[in-house]
Amino acid sequence: MFKANASLEFDIAPWPTNTGKKMEPAGIPTAYISMNKATKNKAAAWEFIQAFVSKEGQIFRLQGGGNAVPSTKGADQVVLEGNLPAHAKTFLDARAIGYALTPKEAGVPGLSKVITDSLEALWLKGGTLEDGLKDLGTQANKKIQDVKSQK
């Protein structure tokens, strides 16, 4: 979308750190893919999944301005295509030192947002760490319970 707007100049930059390091580890958004255990087409579904997440599949899906950084070694060139943005290598650097959400957190839709919103409120609006973490625990437990009750 940015590439289509010729009058828009854009780039990326890592968050500044207070550690002296150029970049600190951060959470890397991830996605999961699954197969219905009751499918009658397990072989075809598995073949699709393997192709979709393979190096070749990721290159095919992401080339020409994809919407993600590949997770497979050897497919990094799709991030650097056309040198746009100029510092696209920052995405690869972040992936190299980043971490994925734990399966427990990723398994509760909306939990990451609850955590982010609670911490942002603490950082931006102030308050004590103890009260902020208590509020976070209350909200996170409610979200987890809501998801459990839907199963």
C-alpha atoms as a PDB file:
ATOM      1  CA  MET A   1       0.000   0.000   0.000  1.00  0.00           C
ATOM      2  CA  PHE A   2       2.831   2.387   0.855  1.00  0.00           C
ATOM      3  CA  LYS A   3       4.627   1.547  -2.393  1.00  0.00           C
ATOM      4  CA  ALA A   4       1.550   2.535  -4.423  1.00  0.00           C
ATOM      5  CA  ASN A   5       1.673   6.108  -3.091  1.00  0.00           C
ATOM      6  CA  ALA A   6       4.575   7.687  -4.959  1.00  0.00           C
ATOM      7  CA  SER A   7       4.412  10.869  -2.846  1.00  0.00           C
ATOM      8  CA  LEU A   8       4.817   8.987   0.431  1.00  0.00           C
ATOM      9  CA  GLU A   9       8.336   8.596   1.775  1.00  0.00           C
ATOM     10  CA  PHE A  10       8.687   5.953   4.474  1.00  0.00           C
ATOM     11  CA  ASP A  11      11.223   3.865   6.298  1.00  0.00           C
ATOM     12  CA  ILE A  12      11.471   1.862   9.498  1.00  0.00           C
ATOM     13  CA  ALA A  13      13.607   2.266  12.597  1.00  0.00           C
ATOM     14  CA  PRO A  14      13.971   0.226  15.767  1.00  0.00           C
ATOM     15  CA  TRP A  15      12.764   1.568  19.098  1.00  0.00           C
ATOM     16  CA  PRO A  16      15.546   3.415  20.918  1.00  0.00           C
ATOM     17  CA  THR A  17      17.120   1.513  23.801  1.00  0.00           C
ATOM     18  CA  ASN A  18      18.628   2.555  27.107  1.00  0.00           C
ATOM     19  CA  THR A  19      21.069  -0.347  27.208  1.00  0.00           C
ATOM     20  CA  GLY A  20      23.622   0.809  24.674  1.00  0.00           C
ATOM     21  CA  LYS A  21      22.555  -1.959  22.313  1.00  0.00           C
ATOM     22  CA  LYS A  22      21.321  -1.030  18.848  1.00  0.00           C
ATOM     23  CA  MET A  23      18.226  -3.165  19.296  1.00  0.00           C
ATOM     24  CA  GLU A  24      16.621  -5.180  22.086  1.00  0.00           C
ATOM     25  CA  PRO A  25      14.692  -8.433  21.717  1.00  0.00           C
ATOM     26  CA  ALA A  26      10.987  -7.948  21.180  1.00  0.00           C
ATOM     27  CA  GLY A  27       7.939 -10.065  20.581  1.00  0.00           C
ATOM     28  CA  ILE A  28       7.598 -11.190  16.983  1.00  0.00           C
ATOM     29  CA  PRO A  29       4.042 -11.639  15.743  1.00  0.00           C
ATOM     30  CA  THR A  30       3.414 -15.197  14.710  1.00  0.00           C
ATOM     31  CA  ALA A  31       0.602 -17.117  13.106  1.00  0.00           C
ATOM     32  CA  TYR A  32      -0.446 -20.677  13.458  1.00  0.00           C
ATOM     33  CA  ILE A  33      -1.818 -23.045  10.880  1.00  0.00           C
ATOM     34  CA  SER A  34      -3.762 -26.148  11.746  1.00  0.00           C
ATOM     35  CA  MET A  35      -5.585 -29.067  10.233  1.00  0.00           C
ATOM     36  CA  ASN A  36      -9.009 -30.299  11.269  1.00  0.00           C
ATOM     37  CA  LYS A  37      -8.414 -33.676  12.892  1.00  0.00           C
ATOM     38  CA  ALA A  38     -11.696 -34.938  11.393  1.00  0.00           C
ATOM     39  CA  THR A  39     -10.762 -34.113   7.798  1.00  0.00           C
ATOM     40  CA  LYS A  40     -11.115 -36.879   5.261  1.00  0.00           C
ATOM     41  CA  ASN A  41      -8.271 -35.312   3.260  1.00  0.00           C
ATOM     42  CA  LYS A  42      -5.367 -35.406   5.715  1.00  0.00           C
ATOM     43  CA  ALA A  43      -2.753 -36.141   3.065  1.00  0.00           C
ATOM     44  CA  ALA A  44      -3.870 -33.224   0.880  1.00  0.00           C
ATOM     45  CA  ALA A  45      -4.158 -30.869   3.854  1.00  0.00           C
ATOM     46  CA  TRP A  46      -0.696 -31.841   5.082  1.00  0.00           C
ATOM     47  CA  GLU A  47       0.730 -31.381   1.567  1.00  0.00           C
ATOM     48  CA  PHE A  48      -0.799 -27.884   1.442  1.00  0.00           C
ATOM     49  CA  ILE A  49       0.574 -26.953   4.882  1.00  0.00           C
ATOM     50  CA  GLN A  50       4.045 -28.165   3.970  1.00  0.00           C
ATOM     51  CA  ALA A  51       4.031 -26.192   0.723  1.00  0.00           C
ATOM     52  CA  PHE A  52       2.578 -23.080   2.387  1.00  0.00           C
ATOM     53  CA  VAL A  53       5.228 -22.853   5.120  1.00  0.00           C
ATOM     54  CA  SER A  54       8.204 -24.129   3.120  1.00  0.00           C
ATOM     55  CA  LYS A  55      10.968 -21.802   1.989  1.00  0.00           C
ATOM     56  CA  GLU A  56       9.606 -21.882  -1.555  1.00  0.00           C
ATOM     57  CA  GLY A  57       6.043 -21.295  -0.356  1.00  0.00           C
ATOM     58  CA  GLN A  58       7.061 -18.305   1.722  1.00  0.00           C
ATOM     59  CA  ILE A  59       9.071 -16.807  -1.130  1.00  0.00           C
ATOM     60  CA  PHE A  60       6.102 -17.262  -3.479  1.00  0.00           C
ATOM     61  CA  ARG A  61       3.618 -15.684  -1.030  1.00  0.00           C
ATOM     62  CA  LEU A  62       5.805 -12.782   0.042  1.00  0.00           C
ATOM     63  CA  GLN A  63       7.657 -11.776  -3.113  1.00  0.00           C
ATOM     64  CA  GLY A  64       6.735  -8.452  -4.638  1.00  0.00           C
ATOM     65  CA  GLY A  65       5.848  -6.740  -1.384  1.00  0.00           C
ATOM     66  CA  GLY A  66       4.612  -9.397   0.974  1.00  0.00           C
ATOM     67  CA  ASN A  67       3.036  -8.653   4.278  1.00  0.00           C
ATOM     68  CA  ALA A  68       5.362 -10.594   6.547  1.00  0.00           C
ATOM     69  CA  VAL A  69       8.926 -11.542   7.279  1.00  0.00           C
ATOM     70  CA  PRO A  70       9.614 -15.166   6.359  1.00  0.00           C
ATOM     71  CA  SER A  71      10.224 -17.609   9.168  1.00  0.00           C
ATOM     72  CA  THR A  72      12.339 -19.943   7.065  1.00  0.00           C
ATOM     73  CA  LYS A  73      16.056 -19.499   6.453  1.00  0.00           C
ATOM     74  CA  GLY A  74      16.899 -18.810   2.843  1.00  0.00           C
ATOM     75  CA  ALA A  75      13.831 -16.707   2.060  1.00  0.00           C
ATOM     76  CA  ASP A  76      15.109 -13.392   3.407  1.00  0.00           C
ATOM     77  CA  GLN A  77      15.577 -11.825  -0.018  1.00  0.00           C
ATOM     78  CA  VAL A  78      11.832 -11.100  -0.220  1.00  0.00           C
ATOM     79  CA  VAL A  79      12.216  -8.590   2.622  1.00  0.00           C
ATOM     80  CA  LEU A  80      15.058  -6.795   0.858  1.00  0.00           C
ATOM     81  CA  GLU A  81      13.474  -6.632  -2.635  1.00  0.00           C
ATOM     82  CA  GLY A  82      13.704  -3.248  -4.272  1.00  0.00           C
ATOM     83  CA  ASN A  83      15.473  -1.766  -1.243  1.00  0.00           C
ATOM     84  CA  LEU A  84      12.120  -0.441  -0.004  1.00  0.00           C
ATOM     85  CA  PRO A  85      12.002   0.556   2.720  1.00  0.00           C
ATOM     86  CA  ALA A  86      15.642   1.478   2.784  1.00  0.00           C
ATOM     87  CA  HIS A  87      16.277  -0.122   6.163  1.00  0.00           C
ATOM     88  CA  ALA A  88      14.216  -3.282   5.643  1.00  0.00           C
ATOM     89  CA  LYS A  89      17.083  -5.334   7.042  1.00  0.00           C
ATOM     90  CA  THR A  90      15.890  -4.077  10.436  1.00  0.00           C
ATOM     91  CA  PHE A  91      12.972  -6.528  10.115  1.00  0.00           C
ATOM     92  CA  LEU A  92      15.449  -9.392   9.699  1.00  0.00           C
ATOM     93  CA  ASP A  93      17.612  -8.142  12.560  1.00  0.00           C
ATOM     94  CA  ALA A  94      14.558  -7.990  14.830  1.00  0.00           C
ATOM     95  CA  ARG A  95      13.499 -11.490  13.838  1.00  0.00           C
ATOM     96  CA  ALA A  96      16.996 -12.788  14.602  1.00  0.00           C
ATOM     97  CA  ILE A  97      16.904 -11.630  18.231  1.00  0.00           C
ATOM     98  CA  GLY A  98      13.148 -11.621  18.825  1.00  0.00           C
ATOM     99  CA  TYR A  99      10.856 -14.175  20.358  1.00  0.00           C
ATOM    100  CA  ALA A 100       7.424 -15.530  19.573  1.00  0.00           C
ATOM    101  CA  LEU A 101       4.567 -15.415  22.009  1.00  0.00           C
ATOM    102  CA  THR A 102       4.280 -18.449  24.196  1.00  0.00           C
ATOM    103  CA  PRO A 103       1.670 -20.934  22.946  1.00  0.00           C
ATOM    104  CA  LYS A 104      -0.313 -20.264  26.129  1.00  0.00           C
ATOM    105  CA  GLU A 105      -0.568 -16.534  25.367  1.00  0.00           C
ATOM    106  CA  ALA A 106      -1.110 -17.028  21.657  1.00  0.00           C
ATOM    107  CA  GLY A 107      -3.799 -19.613  22.439  1.00  0.00           C
ATOM    108  CA  VAL A 108      -6.037 -17.031  24.111  1.00  0.00           C
ATOM    109  CA  PRO A 109      -7.391 -14.614  21.490  1.00  0.00           C
ATOM    110  CA  GLY A 110      -7.136 -11.048  22.718  1.00  0.00           C
ATOM    111  CA  LEU A 111      -4.823 -11.814  25.657  1.00  0.00           C
ATOM    112  CA  SER A 112      -1.865  -9.996  24.101  1.00  0.00           C
ATOM    113  CA  LYS A 113      -4.027  -6.885  23.705  1.00  0.00           C
ATOM    114  CA  VAL A 114      -5.116  -7.082  27.348  1.00  0.00           C
ATOM    115  CA  ILE A 115      -1.479  -7.299  28.424  1.00  0.00           C
ATOM    116  CA  THR A 116      -0.376  -4.450  26.137  1.00  0.00           C
ATOM    117  CA  ASP A 117      -3.276  -2.190  27.121  1.00  0.00           C
ATOM    118  CA  SER A 118      -2.702  -2.786  30.835  1.00  0.00           C
ATOM    119  CA  LEU A 119       1.019  -2.096  30.637  1.00  0.00           C
ATOM    120  CA  GLU A 120       0.538   0.980  28.454  1.00  0.00           C
ATOM    121  CA  ALA A 121      -1.964   2.355  30.964  1.00  0.00           C
ATOM    122  CA  LEU A 122       0.551   1.786  33.755  1.00  0.00           C
ATOM    123  CA  TRP A 123       3.394   3.430  31.840  1.00  0.00           C
ATOM    124  CA  LEU A 124       1.387   6.346  30.477  1.00  0.00           C
ATOM    125  CA  LYS A 125      -1.087   7.073  33.268  1.00  0.00           C
ATOM    126  CA  GLY A 126       1.125   6.188  36.170  1.00  0.00           C
ATOM    127  CA  GLY A 127       0.252   4.327  39.312  1.00  0.00           C
ATOM    128  CA  THR A 128       2.142   1.728  41.244  1.00  0.00           C
ATOM    129  CA  LEU A 129       3.588  -1.363  39.687  1.00  0.00           C
ATOM    130  CA  GLU A 130       1.793  -3.489  42.259  1.00  0.00           C
ATOM    131  CA  ASP A 131      -1.628  -2.026  41.370  1.00  0.00           C
ATOM    132  CA  GLY A 132      -0.876  -2.220  37.646  1.00  0.00           C
ATOM    133  CA  LEU A 133       0.099  -5.879  37.823  1.00  0.00           C
ATOM    134  CA  LYS A 134      -2.915  -6.679  40.007  1.00  0.00           C
ATOM    135  CA  ASP A 135      -5.194  -5.056  37.405  1.00  0.00           C
ATOM    136  CA  LEU A 136      -3.381  -6.899  34.612  1.00  0.00           C
ATOM    137  CA  GLY A 137      -3.821 -10.202  36.443  1.00  0.00           C
ATOM    138  CA  THR A 138      -7.534  -9.583  36.943  1.00  0.00           C
ATOM    139  CA  GLN A 139      -8.109  -8.661  33.286  1.00  0.00           C
ATOM    140  CA  ALA A 140      -5.912 -11.475  31.933  1.00  0.00           C
ATOM    141  CA  ASN A 141      -7.598 -14.090  34.108  1.00  0.00           C
ATOM    142  CA  LYS A 142     -11.011 -12.868  32.944  1.00  0.00           C
ATOM    143  CA  LYS A 143      -9.935 -13.138  29.282  1.00  0.00           C
ATOM    144  CA  ILE A 144      -8.532 -16.634  29.861  1.00  0.00           C
ATOM    145  CA  GLN A 145     -11.710 -17.714  31.655  1.00  0.00           C
ATOM    146  CA  ASP A 146     -13.905 -16.277  28.869  1.00  0.00           C
ATOM    147  CA  VAL A 147     -12.041 -18.340  26.282  1.00  0.00           C
ATOM    148  CA  LYS A 148     -12.166 -21.499  28.422  1.00  0.00           C
ATOM    149  CA  SER A 149     -15.919 -21.112  28.902  1.00  0.00           C
ATOM    150  CA  GLN A 150     -16.447 -20.978  25.112  1.00  0.00           C
ATOM    151  CA  LYS A 151     -14.796 -24.363  24.553  1.00  0.00           C
END
